[in-house]
């Protein structure tokens, strides 16, 4: 019998219980799973506070007890959607089926004749990376939304303080641009 290998991609900033539940669901369909860490080249920003290596630690720790062979692969952004699937193929073990709920990812893989399955997400509002990062910055409870291995990794790399400092600097920079009459999006004069 042939091995069925699935592919799941996300930024995992941070990896949370919704991601874990998704992997558990996918694990019932496949023999092996490739977990692609998207935007692997991005870190130390409010949107992407953790490095690819830190996210690898989070994911491998959080999935250690999931009964499926896993390959965690960092994937750098290439900013060229037309060739993104071939970039992914060049970085990952071969896979047969793609799991995603991202419309662009679905489109790109369907255009290259992959079977794409749209998995059911749980508690999408509560278990959303943006929401978790905002809670960290605000000093609100967030640890109950991520696996223990993730909190351990974030603690190990001083991720809470990093995220708070980055958020503070982003806010300060935006205020400086705004007071100088420049757009916060592109740094150009808004007049």
Protein backbone atom coordinates (compact mmCIF):
# COMPACT_ATOMS: atom_id res chain seq x y z
CA UNK A 1 0.00 0.00 0.00
CA UNK A 2 1.35 3.42 -0.96
CA UNK A 3 2.11 6.02 1.68
CA UNK A 4 -0.16 9.05 1.68
CA UNK A 5 1.68 12.21 2.65
CA UNK A 6 -0.19 15.41 3.44
CA UNK A 7 0.99 19.02 3.41
CA UNK A 8 -0.15 21.74 5.80
CA UNK A 9 1.29 25.26 5.76
CA UNK A 10 0.94 28.13 8.20
CA UNK A 11 2.95 30.89 9.81
CA UNK A 12 2.27 29.46 13.29
CA UNK A 13 2.90 32.75 15.10
CA UNK A 14 2.50 31.07 17.56
CA UNK A 15 1.41 27.46 17.10
CA UNK A 16 -1.85 27.13 19.09
CA UNK A 17 -4.50 24.57 20.09
CA UNK A 18 -6.41 25.13 16.84
CA UNK A 19 -3.32 24.15 14.86
CA UNK A 20 -2.82 21.10 17.06
CA UNK A 21 -6.44 19.99 16.58
CA UNK A 22 -6.04 20.45 12.83
CA UNK A 23 -2.92 18.26 12.77
CA UNK A 24 -4.74 15.58 14.81
CA UNK A 25 -7.61 15.64 12.30
CA UNK A 26 -5.29 15.46 9.28
CA UNK A 27 -3.29 12.65 10.93
CA UNK A 28 -6.34 10.38 10.62
CA UNK A 29 -6.26 10.83 6.81
CA UNK A 30 -2.54 10.46 6.05
CA UNK A 31 0.43 8.27 6.86
CA UNK A 32 2.89 11.18 7.00
CA UNK A 33 2.55 14.94 7.28
CA UNK A 34 4.72 17.78 6.03
CA UNK A 35 4.21 20.90 8.16
CA UNK A 36 5.43 23.93 6.24
CA UNK A 37 6.44 26.95 8.31
CA UNK A 38 5.45 29.86 6.10
CA UNK A 39 7.25 33.21 6.19
CA UNK A 40 10.27 31.42 7.64
CA UNK A 41 12.47 34.37 6.76
CA UNK A 42 10.36 36.80 8.85
CA UNK A 43 10.84 37.38 12.58
CA UNK A 44 11.01 40.07 15.23
CA UNK A 45 7.91 41.93 14.01
CA UNK A 46 4.46 42.13 15.60
CA UNK A 47 3.01 39.97 12.80
CA UNK A 48 5.92 37.50 12.86
CA UNK A 49 7.63 37.70 16.25
CA UNK A 50 9.22 34.24 16.29
CA UNK A 51 12.03 32.85 14.14
CA UNK A 52 11.66 29.75 12.00
CA UNK A 53 13.84 27.83 14.45
CA UNK A 54 11.68 28.88 17.40
CA UNK A 55 8.55 27.83 15.54
CA UNK A 56 10.18 24.48 14.72
CA UNK A 57 10.77 23.99 18.46
CA UNK A 58 7.13 24.89 19.22
CA UNK A 59 5.71 22.57 16.58
CA UNK A 60 7.93 19.54 17.18
CA UNK A 61 7.35 19.81 20.93
CA UNK A 62 3.60 20.30 20.60
CA UNK A 63 3.21 17.39 18.18
CA UNK A 64 5.59 14.91 19.81
CA UNK A 65 2.72 12.65 20.86
CA UNK A 66 0.71 12.81 17.62
CA UNK A 67 0.83 9.41 15.92
CA UNK A 68 1.94 10.41 12.43
CA UNK A 69 5.40 10.77 10.90
CA UNK A 70 6.06 14.52 10.62
CA UNK A 71 8.48 16.65 8.63
CA UNK A 72 8.68 20.29 9.74
CA UNK A 73 10.06 22.41 6.90
CA UNK A 74 10.76 26.15 6.98
CA UNK A 75 9.55 27.94 3.83
CA UNK A 76 10.80 31.41 3.01
CA UNK A 77 8.49 33.87 1.28
CA UNK A 78 9.34 34.38 -2.38
CA UNK A 79 6.75 37.07 -3.24
CA UNK A 80 5.91 35.39 -6.57
CA UNK A 81 2.65 33.48 -6.31
CA UNK A 82 2.92 32.00 -9.81
CA UNK A 83 5.98 29.94 -8.80
CA UNK A 84 5.24 29.46 -5.09
CA UNK A 85 4.00 25.86 -5.41
CA UNK A 86 7.17 24.80 -7.23
CA UNK A 87 9.19 26.55 -4.50
CA UNK A 88 7.30 24.53 -1.86
CA UNK A 89 7.83 21.32 -3.84
CA UNK A 90 11.57 22.02 -4.01
CA UNK A 91 11.82 22.46 -0.23
CA UNK A 92 9.59 19.60 0.97
CA UNK A 93 9.35 15.84 0.71
CA UNK A 94 6.85 14.90 -2.02
CA UNK A 95 3.22 15.08 -0.88
CA UNK A 96 -0.13 13.94 -2.26
CA UNK A 97 -2.79 16.11 -0.65
CA UNK A 98 -2.83 19.68 0.63
CA UNK A 99 -4.78 20.90 3.67
CA UNK A 100 -5.62 24.60 3.75
CA UNK A 101 -8.42 27.05 4.34
CA UNK A 102 -6.49 29.95 2.78
CA UNK A 103 -8.16 30.88 -0.54
CA UNK A 104 -4.86 31.79 -2.24
CA UNK A 105 -3.11 28.60 -1.12
CA UNK A 106 -6.11 26.55 -2.27
CA UNK A 107 -6.12 28.28 -5.67
CA UNK A 108 -2.38 27.89 -6.25
CA UNK A 109 -2.35 24.17 -5.42
CA UNK A 110 -5.54 23.45 -7.41
CA UNK A 111 -3.99 25.17 -10.44
CA UNK A 112 -1.15 22.64 -10.22
CA UNK A 113 -3.58 19.71 -9.95
CA UNK A 114 -3.15 18.88 -6.27
CA UNK A 115 -6.04 17.53 -4.27
CA UNK A 116 -6.85 20.22 -1.69
CA UNK A 117 -8.96 19.60 1.38
CA UNK A 118 -10.45 22.44 3.40
CA UNK A 119 -10.31 21.35 7.05
CA UNK A 120 -12.69 22.48 9.76
CA UNK A 121 -11.14 25.01 12.13
CA UNK A 122 -12.16 25.17 15.79
CA UNK A 123 -12.76 28.31 17.83
CA UNK A 124 -11.35 30.44 15.01
CA UNK A 125 -11.92 33.77 16.80
CA UNK A 126 -10.36 32.70 20.08
CA UNK A 127 -7.63 30.55 18.55
CA UNK A 128 -6.12 33.00 16.12
CA UNK A 129 -2.46 33.99 16.14
CA UNK A 130 -3.29 37.70 15.88
CA UNK A 131 -5.58 37.47 18.91
CA UNK A 132 -2.98 35.57 20.93
CA UNK A 133 -0.21 38.05 20.06
CA UNK A 134 -2.49 40.97 21.01
CA UNK A 135 -3.22 39.31 24.36
CA UNK A 136 0.50 38.82 25.02
CA UNK A 137 1.19 42.51 24.34
CA UNK A 138 -1.74 43.61 26.52
CA UNK A 139 -0.68 41.37 29.41
CA UNK A 140 -3.90 39.33 29.16
CA UNK A 141 -4.23 35.56 29.58
CA UNK A 142 -2.99 33.66 26.52
CA UNK A 143 -1.19 30.53 27.76
CA UNK A 144 -4.43 28.51 27.82
CA UNK A 145 -4.65 28.89 24.03
CA UNK A 146 -1.36 27.20 23.18
CA UNK A 147 0.22 23.82 23.99
CA UNK A 148 2.66 23.64 26.91
CA UNK A 149 5.61 23.12 24.52
CA UNK A 150 4.79 26.48 22.95
CA UNK A 151 4.72 28.35 26.26
CA UNK A 152 8.02 26.69 27.17
CA UNK A 153 9.61 27.83 23.91
CA UNK A 154 8.25 31.36 24.23
CA UNK A 155 9.55 31.55 27.80
CA UNK A 156 12.94 30.15 26.77
CA UNK A 157 13.46 32.84 24.11
CA UNK A 158 11.96 35.66 26.23
CA UNK A 159 9.24 35.92 23.60
CA UNK A 160 6.76 37.82 25.76
CA UNK A 161 9.19 40.67 26.37
CA UNK A 162 10.32 40.59 22.72
CA UNK A 163 6.76 40.93 21.46
CA UNK A 164 5.98 43.73 23.91
CA UNK A 165 9.11 45.67 22.94
CA UNK A 166 8.44 45.21 19.23
CA UNK A 167 4.83 46.33 19.65
CA UNK A 168 5.99 49.39 21.58
CA UNK A 169 8.54 50.31 18.92
CA UNK A 170 5.99 49.76 16.12
CA UNK A 171 3.55 52.06 17.93
CA UNK A 172 6.25 54.70 18.50
CA UNK A 173 7.37 54.58 14.86
CA UNK A 174 3.78 54.88 13.61
CA UNK A 175 3.18 57.89 15.88
CA UNK A 176 6.40 59.54 14.67
CA UNK A 177 5.43 59.04 11.00
CA UNK A 178 1.91 60.30 11.68
CA UNK A 179 3.12 63.47 13.43
CA UNK A 180 5.49 64.11 10.52
CA UNK A 181 2.57 63.88 8.06
CA UNK A 182 3.65 60.57 6.57
CA UNK A 183 1.51 57.51 5.98
CA UNK A 184 2.12 54.73 8.53
CA UNK A 185 1.88 52.17 5.71
CA UNK A 186 4.56 53.33 3.36
CA UNK A 187 6.47 56.11 5.09
CA UNK A 188 5.63 58.59 2.35
CA UNK A 189 4.18 62.07 2.73
CA UNK A 190 0.40 61.77 2.94
CA UNK A 191 -0.25 65.19 1.36
